[in-house]
C-alpha cells in the first residue's frame, strides 16, 4: 500500500473493505448496529495493521483513523446500495 496521495489511499482502503464485505456478507449486509460496529472494527484493524512505511505515509498525508473509518463507512454504503438495500 505505497500510495502517494490521500485519494489513492482512500481508494485502496475502500477496495479492501468491499472485498471484506463481499467475502463476509453475513457480517456486513445490514444497516443495524452490529453491522456498523463491524465496519468500524474493520477500519480499526486496517489502521492497527499498517506497516511502518504506511504509518509514515499516513502521517505525511495527514491521514488518521477517522479517515479510515469514514472510508470504510462510505464503502459500506456503496456495497449496500449495490446489493439492493436502500439507505436513509
PDB file of N, CA and C in Angstrom:
ATOM      1  N   UNK A   1       0.833  -1.179   0.000  1.00  0.00           N
ATOM      2  CA  UNK A   1       0.000   0.000   0.000  1.00  0.00           C
ATOM      3  C   UNK A   1       0.885   1.253   0.000  1.00  0.00           C
ATOM      4  N   UNK A   2       1.711   1.415  -0.980  1.00  0.00           N
ATOM      5  CA  UNK A   2       2.647   2.538  -1.050  1.00  0.00           C
ATOM      6  C   UNK A   2       2.070   3.686  -1.870  1.00  0.00           C
ATOM      7  N   UNK A   3       0.853   4.048  -1.608  1.00  0.00           N
ATOM      8  CA  UNK A   3       0.191   5.118  -2.351  1.00  0.00           C
ATOM      9  C   UNK A   3       0.740   6.468  -1.912  1.00  0.00           C
ATOM     10  N   UNK A   4       0.801   7.419  -2.849  1.00  0.00           N
ATOM     11  CA  UNK A   4       1.458   8.696  -2.601  1.00  0.00           C
ATOM     12  C   UNK A   4       0.504   9.848  -2.287  1.00  0.00           C
ATOM     13  N   UNK A   5      -0.810   9.662  -2.470  1.00  0.00           N
ATOM     14  CA  UNK A   5      -1.723  10.753  -2.155  1.00  0.00           C
ATOM     15  C   UNK A   5      -2.953  10.215  -1.417  1.00  0.00           C
ATOM     16  N   UNK A   6      -3.660  11.120  -0.785  1.00  0.00           N
ATOM     17  CA  UNK A   6      -4.773  10.738   0.079  1.00  0.00           C
ATOM     18  C   UNK A   6      -5.879  10.007  -0.699  1.00  0.00           C
ATOM     19  N   UNK A   7      -6.174  10.467  -1.889  1.00  0.00           N
ATOM     20  CA  UNK A   7      -7.228   9.839  -2.693  1.00  0.00           C
ATOM     21  C   UNK A   7      -6.866   8.393  -3.060  1.00  0.00           C
ATOM     22  N   UNK A   8      -5.602   8.152  -3.363  1.00  0.00           N
ATOM     23  CA  UNK A   8      -5.158   6.786  -3.697  1.00  0.00           C
ATOM     24  C   UNK A   8      -5.249   5.875  -2.478  1.00  0.00           C
ATOM     25  N   UNK A   9      -4.916   6.401  -1.311  1.00  0.00           N
ATOM     26  CA  UNK A   9      -5.027   5.609  -0.086  1.00  0.00           C
ATOM     27  C   UNK A   9      -6.498   5.302   0.189  1.00  0.00           C
ATOM     28  N   UNK A  10      -7.350   6.299   0.014  1.00  0.00           N
ATOM     29  CA  UNK A  10      -8.795   6.108   0.207  1.00  0.00           C
ATOM     30  C   UNK A  10      -9.304   4.995  -0.703  1.00  0.00           C
ATOM     31  N   UNK A  11      -8.924   5.036  -1.964  1.00  0.00           N
ATOM     32  CA  UNK A  11      -9.373   4.021  -2.922  1.00  0.00           C
ATOM     33  C   UNK A  11      -8.909   2.631  -2.494  1.00  0.00           C
ATOM     34  N   UNK A  12      -7.669   2.529  -2.049  1.00  0.00           N
ATOM     35  CA  UNK A  12      -7.123   1.238  -1.625  1.00  0.00           C
ATOM     36  C   UNK A  12      -7.888   0.697  -0.415  1.00  0.00           C
ATOM     37  N   UNK A  13      -8.143   1.542   0.561  1.00  0.00           N
ATOM     38  CA  UNK A  13      -8.874   1.129   1.764  1.00  0.00           C
ATOM     39  C   UNK A  13     -10.286   0.693   1.386  1.00  0.00           C
ATOM     40  N   UNK A  14     -10.932   1.442   0.517  1.00  0.00           N
ATOM     41  CA  UNK A  14     -12.295   1.099   0.118  1.00  0.00           C
ATOM     42  C   UNK A  14     -12.340  -0.197  -0.674  1.00  0.00           C
ATOM     43  N   UNK A  15     -11.362  -0.448  -1.506  1.00  0.00           N
ATOM     44  CA  UNK A  15     -11.303  -1.721  -2.240  1.00  0.00           C
ATOM     45  C   UNK A  15     -11.119  -2.888  -1.271  1.00  0.00           C
ATOM     46  N   UNK A  16     -10.240  -2.716  -0.294  1.00  0.00           N
ATOM     47  CA  UNK A  16     -10.052  -3.757   0.723  1.00  0.00           C
ATOM     48  C   UNK A  16     -11.346  -3.999   1.494  1.00  0.00           C
ATOM     49  N   UNK A  17     -12.002  -2.910   1.876  1.00  0.00           N
ATOM     50  CA  UNK A  17     -13.239  -3.021   2.656  1.00  0.00           C
ATOM     51  C   UNK A  17     -14.324  -3.744   1.867  1.00  0.00           C
ATOM     52  N   UNK A  18     -14.531  -3.356   0.634  1.00  0.00           N
ATOM     53  CA  UNK A  18     -15.568  -4.003  -0.177  1.00  0.00           C
ATOM     54  C   UNK A  18     -15.252  -5.482  -0.353  1.00  0.00           C
ATOM     55  N   UNK A  19     -13.984  -5.816  -0.497  1.00  0.00           N
ATOM     56  CA  UNK A  19     -13.598  -7.224  -0.564  1.00  0.00           C
ATOM     57  C   UNK A  19     -14.025  -7.983   0.680  1.00  0.00           C
ATOM     58  N   UNK A  20     -13.876  -7.363   1.838  1.00  0.00           N
ATOM     59  CA  UNK A  20     -14.332  -7.985   3.083  1.00  0.00           C
ATOM     60  C   UNK A  20     -15.852  -8.083   3.123  1.00  0.00           C
ATOM     61  N   UNK A  21     -16.528  -7.050   2.681  1.00  0.00           N
ATOM     62  CA  UNK A  21     -17.993  -7.066   2.698  1.00  0.00           C
ATOM     63  C   UNK A  21     -18.538  -8.178   1.802  1.00  0.00           C
ATOM     64  N   UNK A  22     -17.911  -8.357   0.651  1.00  0.00           N
ATOM     65  CA  UNK A  22     -18.329  -9.406  -0.280  1.00  0.00           C
ATOM     66  C   UNK A  22     -18.005 -10.789   0.297  1.00  0.00           C
ATOM     67  N   UNK A  23     -16.855 -10.914   0.924  1.00  0.00           N
ATOM     68  CA  UNK A  23     -16.442 -12.205   1.481  1.00  0.00           C
ATOM     69  C   UNK A  23     -17.238 -12.617   2.710  1.00  0.00           C
ATOM     70  N   UNK A  24     -17.725 -11.643   3.456  1.00  0.00           N
ATOM     71  CA  UNK A  24     -18.440 -11.926   4.713  1.00  0.00           C
ATOM     72  C   UNK A  24     -19.768 -11.179   4.759  1.00  0.00           C
ATOM     73  N   UNK A  25     -20.670 -11.476   3.821  1.00  0.00           N
ATOM     74  CA  UNK A  25     -21.924 -10.715   3.748  1.00  0.00           C
ATOM     75  C   UNK A  25     -22.773 -10.821   5.016  1.00  0.00           C
ATOM     76  N   UNK A  26     -22.698 -11.937   5.725  1.00  0.00           N
ATOM     77  CA  UNK A  26     -23.492 -12.061   6.950  1.00  0.00           C
ATOM     78  C   UNK A  26     -23.086 -11.021   7.998  1.00  0.00           C
ATOM     79  N   UNK A  27     -21.836 -10.598   7.947  1.00  0.00           N
ATOM     80  CA  UNK A  27     -21.340  -9.606   8.913  1.00  0.00           C
ATOM     81  C   UNK A  27     -21.601  -8.164   8.483  1.00  0.00           C
ATOM     82  N   UNK A  28     -21.830  -7.964   7.185  1.00  0.00           N
ATOM     83  CA  UNK A  28     -21.865  -6.592   6.676  1.00  0.00           C
ATOM     84  C   UNK A  28     -23.120  -6.218   5.885  1.00  0.00           C
ATOM     85  N   UNK A  29     -23.914  -7.186   5.456  1.00  0.00           N
ATOM     86  CA  UNK A  29     -25.044  -6.850   4.593  1.00  0.00           C
ATOM     87  C   UNK A  29     -26.273  -6.474   5.423  1.00  0.00           C
ATOM     88  N   UNK A  30     -26.112  -5.412   6.205  1.00  0.00           N
ATOM     89  CA  UNK A  30     -27.194  -4.901   7.032  1.00  0.00           C
ATOM     90  C   UNK A  30     -26.867  -3.461   7.408  1.00  0.00           C
ATOM     91  N   UNK A  31     -27.842  -2.786   7.970  1.00  0.00           N
ATOM     92  CA  UNK A  31     -27.628  -1.423   8.447  1.00  0.00           C
ATOM     93  C   UNK A  31     -27.808  -1.337   9.955  1.00  0.00           C
ATOM     94  N   UNK A  32     -27.897  -2.484  10.616  1.00  0.00           N
ATOM     95  CA  UNK A  32     -28.095  -2.480  12.067  1.00  0.00           C
ATOM     96  C   UNK A  32     -26.805  -2.107  12.798  1.00  0.00           C
ATOM     97  N   UNK A  33     -26.930  -1.943  14.102  1.00  0.00           N
ATOM     98  CA  UNK A  33     -25.792  -1.514  14.913  1.00  0.00           C
ATOM     99  C   UNK A  33     -24.627  -2.494  14.830  1.00  0.00           C
ATOM    100  N   UNK A  34     -24.907  -3.783  14.802  1.00  0.00           N
ATOM    101  CA  UNK A  34     -23.824  -4.767  14.756  1.00  0.00           C
ATOM    102  C   UNK A  34     -23.028  -4.657  13.461  1.00  0.00           C
ATOM    103  N   UNK A  35     -23.710  -4.512  12.330  1.00  0.00           N
ATOM    104  CA  UNK A  35     -23.009  -4.371  11.046  1.00  0.00           C
ATOM    105  C   UNK A  35     -22.160  -3.101  11.040  1.00  0.00           C
ATOM    106  N   UNK A  36     -22.710  -2.021  11.583  1.00  0.00           N
ATOM    107  CA  UNK A  36     -21.958  -0.770  11.623  1.00  0.00           C
ATOM    108  C   UNK A  36     -20.762  -0.876  12.567  1.00  0.00           C
ATOM    109  N   UNK A  37     -20.917  -1.599  13.660  1.00  0.00           N
ATOM    110  CA  UNK A  37     -19.785  -1.855  14.553  1.00  0.00           C
ATOM    111  C   UNK A  37     -18.711  -2.667  13.833  1.00  0.00           C
ATOM    112  N   UNK A  38     -19.143  -3.628  13.015  1.00  0.00           N
ATOM    113  CA  UNK A  38     -18.192  -4.431  12.248  1.00  0.00           C
ATOM    114  C   UNK A  38     -17.397  -3.564  11.268  1.00  0.00           C
ATOM    115  N   UNK A  39     -18.066  -2.581  10.653  1.00  0.00           N
ATOM    116  CA  UNK A  39     -17.407  -1.675   9.711  1.00  0.00           C
ATOM    117  C   UNK A  39     -16.350  -0.840  10.441  1.00  0.00           C
ATOM    118  N   UNK A  40     -16.712  -0.306  11.597  1.00  0.00           N
ATOM    119  CA  UNK A  40     -15.764   0.493  12.385  1.00  0.00           C
ATOM    120  C   UNK A  40     -14.592  -0.376  12.849  1.00  0.00           C
ATOM    121  N   UNK A  41     -14.894  -1.596  13.252  1.00  0.00           N
ATOM    122  CA  UNK A  41     -13.848  -2.519  13.683  1.00  0.00           C
ATOM    123  C   UNK A  41     -12.897  -2.857  12.535  1.00  0.00           C
ATOM    124  N   UNK A  42     -13.446  -3.014  11.346  1.00  0.00           N
ATOM    125  CA  UNK A  42     -12.624  -3.285  10.170  1.00  0.00           C
ATOM    126  C   UNK A  42     -11.649  -2.133   9.926  1.00  0.00           C
ATOM    127  N   UNK A  43     -12.145  -0.906  10.005  1.00  0.00           N
ATOM    128  CA  UNK A  43     -11.284   0.263   9.823  1.00  0.00           C
ATOM    129  C   UNK A  43     -10.175   0.283  10.864  1.00  0.00           C
ATOM    130  N   UNK A  44     -10.507  -0.024  12.103  1.00  0.00           N
ATOM    131  CA  UNK A  44      -9.511  -0.060  13.178  1.00  0.00           C
ATOM    132  C   UNK A  44      -8.477  -1.148  12.901  1.00  0.00           C
ATOM    133  N   UNK A  45      -8.926  -2.281  12.382  1.00  0.00           N
ATOM    134  CA  UNK A  45      -7.995  -3.350  12.030  1.00  0.00           C
ATOM    135  C   UNK A  45      -7.020  -2.924  10.949  1.00  0.00           C
ATOM    136  N   UNK A  46      -7.527  -2.221   9.925  1.00  0.00           N
ATOM    137  CA  UNK A  46      -6.632  -1.709   8.882  1.00  0.00           C
ATOM    138  C   UNK A  46      -5.629  -0.730   9.480  1.00  0.00           C
ATOM    139  N   UNK A  47      -6.120   0.152  10.341  1.00  0.00           N
ATOM    140  CA  UNK A  47      -5.274   1.160  10.974  1.00  0.00           C
ATOM    141  C   UNK A  47      -4.180   0.500  11.814  1.00  0.00           C
ATOM    142  N   UNK A  48      -4.569  -0.468  12.631  1.00  0.00           N
ATOM    143  CA  UNK A  48      -3.629  -1.115  13.552  1.00  0.00           C
ATOM    144  C   UNK A  48      -2.623  -2.022  12.852  1.00  0.00           C
ATOM    145  N   UNK A  49      -2.945  -2.503  11.664  1.00  0.00           N
ATOM    146  CA  UNK A  49      -2.060  -3.450  10.986  1.00  0.00           C
ATOM    147  C   UNK A  49      -1.158  -2.795   9.940  1.00  0.00           C
ATOM    148  N   UNK A  50      -1.127  -1.472   9.927  1.00  0.00           N
ATOM    149  CA  UNK A  50      -0.275  -0.782   8.946  1.00  0.00           C
ATOM    150  C   UNK A  50       1.200  -1.095   9.191  1.00  0.00           C
ATOM    151  N   UNK A  51       1.929  -1.177   8.106  1.00  0.00           N
ATOM    152  CA  UNK A  51       3.376  -1.343   8.192  1.00  0.00           C
ATOM    153  C   UNK A  51       4.014   0.033   8.420  1.00  0.00           C
ATOM    154  N   UNK A  52       5.276   0.023   8.814  1.00  0.00           N
ATOM    155  CA  UNK A  52       5.984   1.261   9.137  1.00  0.00           C
ATOM    156  C   UNK A  52       5.888   2.292   8.003  1.00  0.00           C
ATOM    157  N   UNK A  53       6.084   1.849   6.758  1.00  0.00           N
ATOM    158  CA  UNK A  53       6.013   2.761   5.614  1.00  0.00           C
ATOM    159  C   UNK A  53       4.628   3.393   5.488  1.00  0.00           C
ATOM    160  N   UNK A  54       3.600   2.604   5.797  1.00  0.00           N
ATOM    161  CA  UNK A  54       2.233   3.120   5.710  1.00  0.00           C
ATOM    162  C   UNK A  54       1.965   4.135   6.815  1.00  0.00           C
ATOM    163  N   UNK A  55       2.506   3.895   7.987  1.00  0.00           N
ATOM    164  CA  UNK A  55       2.363   4.855   9.087  1.00  0.00           C
ATOM    165  C   UNK A  55       3.027   6.171   8.698  1.00  0.00           C
ATOM    166  N   UNK A  56       4.231   6.089   8.156  1.00  0.00           N
ATOM    167  CA  UNK A  56       4.934   7.293   7.703  1.00  0.00           C
ATOM    168  C   UNK A  56       4.142   8.025   6.625  1.00  0.00           C
ATOM    169  N   UNK A  57       3.635   7.272   5.660  1.00  0.00           N
ATOM    170  CA  UNK A  57       2.850   7.855   4.572  1.00  0.00           C
ATOM    171  C   UNK A  57       1.617   8.553   5.119  1.00  0.00           C
ATOM    172  N   UNK A  58       0.899   7.880   6.005  1.00  0.00           N
ATOM    173  CA  UNK A  58      -0.323   8.464   6.556  1.00  0.00           C
ATOM    174  C   UNK A  58      -0.015   9.734   7.339  1.00  0.00           C
ATOM    175  N   UNK A  59       1.059   9.708   8.123  1.00  0.00           N
ATOM    176  CA  UNK A  59       1.465  10.910   8.865  1.00  0.00           C
ATOM    177  C   UNK A  59       1.777  12.056   7.898  1.00  0.00           C
ATOM    178  N   UNK A  60       2.513  11.744   6.849  1.00  0.00           N
ATOM    179  CA  UNK A  60       2.898  12.762   5.865  1.00  0.00           C
ATOM    180  C   UNK A  60       1.676  13.347   5.155  1.00  0.00           C
ATOM    181  N   UNK A  61       0.684  12.493   4.866  1.00  0.00           N
ATOM    182  CA  UNK A  61      -0.506  12.942   4.140  1.00  0.00           C
ATOM    183  C   UNK A  61      -1.607  13.472   5.059  1.00  0.00           C
ATOM    184  N   UNK A  62      -1.395  13.400   6.369  1.00  0.00           N
ATOM    185  CA  UNK A  62      -2.407  13.880   7.312  1.00  0.00           C
ATOM    186  C   UNK A  62      -3.607  12.960   7.427  1.00  0.00           C
ATOM    187  N   UNK A  63      -3.392  11.679   7.220  1.00  0.00           N
ATOM    188  CA  UNK A  63      -4.458  10.676   7.303  1.00  0.00           C
ATOM    189  C   UNK A  63      -4.495  10.140   8.725  1.00  0.00           C
ATOM    190  N   UNK A  64      -5.712  10.039   9.282  1.00  0.00           N
ATOM    191  CA  UNK A  64      -5.844   9.487  10.626  1.00  0.00           C
ATOM    192  C   UNK A  64      -6.921   8.410  10.670  1.00  0.00           C
ATOM    193  N   UNK A  65      -7.126   7.846  11.840  1.00  0.00           N
ATOM    194  CA  UNK A  65      -8.102   6.764  11.995  1.00  0.00           C
ATOM    195  C   UNK A  65      -9.494   7.194  11.542  1.00  0.00           C
ATOM    196  N   UNK A  66      -9.863   8.429  11.798  1.00  0.00           N
ATOM    197  CA  UNK A  66     -11.184   8.921  11.372  1.00  0.00           C
ATOM    198  C   UNK A  66     -11.349   8.814   9.859  1.00  0.00           C
ATOM    199  N   UNK A  67     -10.272   9.040   9.113  1.00  0.00           N
ATOM    200  CA  UNK A  67     -10.338   8.888   7.648  1.00  0.00           C
ATOM    201  C   UNK A  67     -10.618   7.436   7.276  1.00  0.00           C
ATOM    202  N   UNK A  68      -9.893   6.518   7.889  1.00  0.00           N
ATOM    203  CA  UNK A  68     -10.102   5.092   7.613  1.00  0.00           C
ATOM    204  C   UNK A  68     -11.546   4.709   7.930  1.00  0.00           C
ATOM    205  N   UNK A  69     -12.074   5.210   9.050  1.00  0.00           N
ATOM    206  CA  UNK A  69     -13.450   4.893   9.431  1.00  0.00           C
ATOM    207  C   UNK A  69     -14.435   5.474   8.436  1.00  0.00           C
ATOM    208  N   UNK A  70     -14.232   6.706   8.032  1.00  0.00           N
ATOM    209  CA  UNK A  70     -15.114   7.331   7.043  1.00  0.00           C
ATOM    210  C   UNK A  70     -15.087   6.555   5.731  1.00  0.00           C
ATOM    211  N   UNK A  71     -13.898   6.188   5.292  1.00  0.00           N
ATOM    212  CA  UNK A  71     -13.775   5.493   4.012  1.00  0.00           C
ATOM    213  C   UNK A  71     -14.418   4.119   4.045  1.00  0.00           C
ATOM    214  N   UNK A  72     -14.290   3.397   5.149  1.00  0.00           N
ATOM    215  CA  UNK A  72     -14.927   2.081   5.217  1.00  0.00           C
ATOM    216  C   UNK A  72     -16.446   2.234   5.302  1.00  0.00           C
ATOM    217  N   UNK A  73     -16.919   3.299   5.951  1.00  0.00           N
ATOM    218  CA  UNK A  73     -18.369   3.550   6.005  1.00  0.00           C
ATOM    219  C   UNK A  73     -18.907   3.908   4.623  1.00  0.00           C
ATOM    220  N   UNK A  74     -18.180   4.736   3.884  1.00  0.00           N
ATOM    221  CA  UNK A  74     -18.590   5.078   2.522  1.00  0.00           C
ATOM    222  C   UNK A  74     -18.625   3.826   1.640  1.00  0.00           C
ATOM    223  N   UNK A  75     -17.626   2.975   1.780  1.00  0.00           N
ATOM    224  CA  UNK A  75     -17.588   1.733   1.008  1.00  0.00           C
ATOM    225  C   UNK A  75     -18.747   0.826   1.410  1.00  0.00           C
ATOM    226  N   UNK A  76     -19.094   0.814   2.681  1.00  0.00           N
ATOM    227  CA  UNK A  76     -20.207   0.000   3.158  1.00  0.00           C
ATOM    228  C   UNK A  76     -21.517   0.492   2.547  1.00  0.00           C
ATOM    229  N   UNK A  77     -21.713   1.794   2.509  1.00  0.00           N
ATOM    230  CA  UNK A  77     -22.920   2.355   1.899  1.00  0.00           C
ATOM    231  C   UNK A  77     -22.999   1.976   0.426  1.00  0.00           C
ATOM    232  N   UNK A  78     -21.886   2.062  -0.279  1.00  0.00           N
ATOM    233  CA  UNK A  78     -21.861   1.687  -1.701  1.00  0.00           C
ATOM    234  C   UNK A  78     -22.142   0.200  -1.871  1.00  0.00           C
ATOM    235  N   UNK A  79     -21.582  -0.622  -0.989  1.00  0.00           N
ATOM    236  CA  UNK A  79     -21.813  -2.064  -1.018  1.00  0.00           C
ATOM    237  C   UNK A  79     -23.295  -2.376  -0.816  1.00  0.00           C
ATOM    238  N   UNK A  80     -23.898  -1.723   0.177  1.00  0.00           N
ATOM    239  CA  UNK A  80     -25.318  -1.967   0.443  1.00  0.00           C
ATOM    240  C   UNK A  80     -26.184  -1.547  -0.739  1.00  0.00           C
ATOM    241  N   UNK A  81     -25.904  -0.384  -1.293  1.00  0.00           N
ATOM    242  CA  UNK A  81     -26.685   0.102  -2.432  1.00  0.00           C
ATOM    243  C   UNK A  81     -26.523  -0.832  -3.637  1.00  0.00           C
ATOM    244  N   UNK A  82     -25.323  -1.312  -3.854  1.00  0.00           N
ATOM    245  CA  UNK A  82     -25.072  -2.233  -4.963  1.00  0.00           C
ATOM    246  C   UNK A  82     -25.809  -3.553  -4.791  1.00  0.00           C
ATOM    247  N   UNK A  83     -26.138  -3.876  -3.550  1.00  0.00           N
ATOM    248  CA  UNK A  83     -26.849  -5.123  -3.262  1.00  0.00           C
ATOM    249  C   UNK A  83     -28.327  -4.908  -2.979  1.00  0.00           C
ATOM    250  N   UNK A  84     -28.857  -3.774  -3.445  1.00  0.00           N
ATOM    251  CA  UNK A  84     -30.287  -3.546  -3.400  1.00  0.00           C
ATOM    252  C   UNK A  84     -30.861  -3.015  -2.101  1.00  0.00           C
ATOM    253  N   UNK A  85     -30.014  -2.587  -1.203  1.00  0.00           N
ATOM    254  CA  UNK A  85     -30.508  -2.005   0.042  1.00  0.00           C
ATOM    255  C   UNK A  85     -30.703  -0.520  -0.148  1.00  0.00           C
ATOM    256  N   UNK A  86     -31.761   0.032   0.416  1.00  0.00           N
ATOM    257  CA  UNK A  86     -31.962   1.464   0.384  1.00  0.00           C
ATOM    258  C   UNK A  86     -31.466   2.059   1.685  1.00  0.00           C
ATOM    259  N   UNK A  87     -30.804   3.184   1.583  1.00  0.00           N
ATOM    260  CA  UNK A  87     -30.258   3.842   2.751  1.00  0.00           C
ATOM    261  C   UNK A  87     -31.040   5.128   3.012  1.00  0.00           C
ATOM    262  N   UNK A  88     -31.180   5.444   4.260  1.00  0.00           N
ATOM    263  CA  UNK A  88     -31.904   6.678   4.639  1.00  0.00           C
ATOM    264  C   UNK A  88     -30.996   7.880   4.540  1.00  0.00           C
TER     265      UNK A  88
END
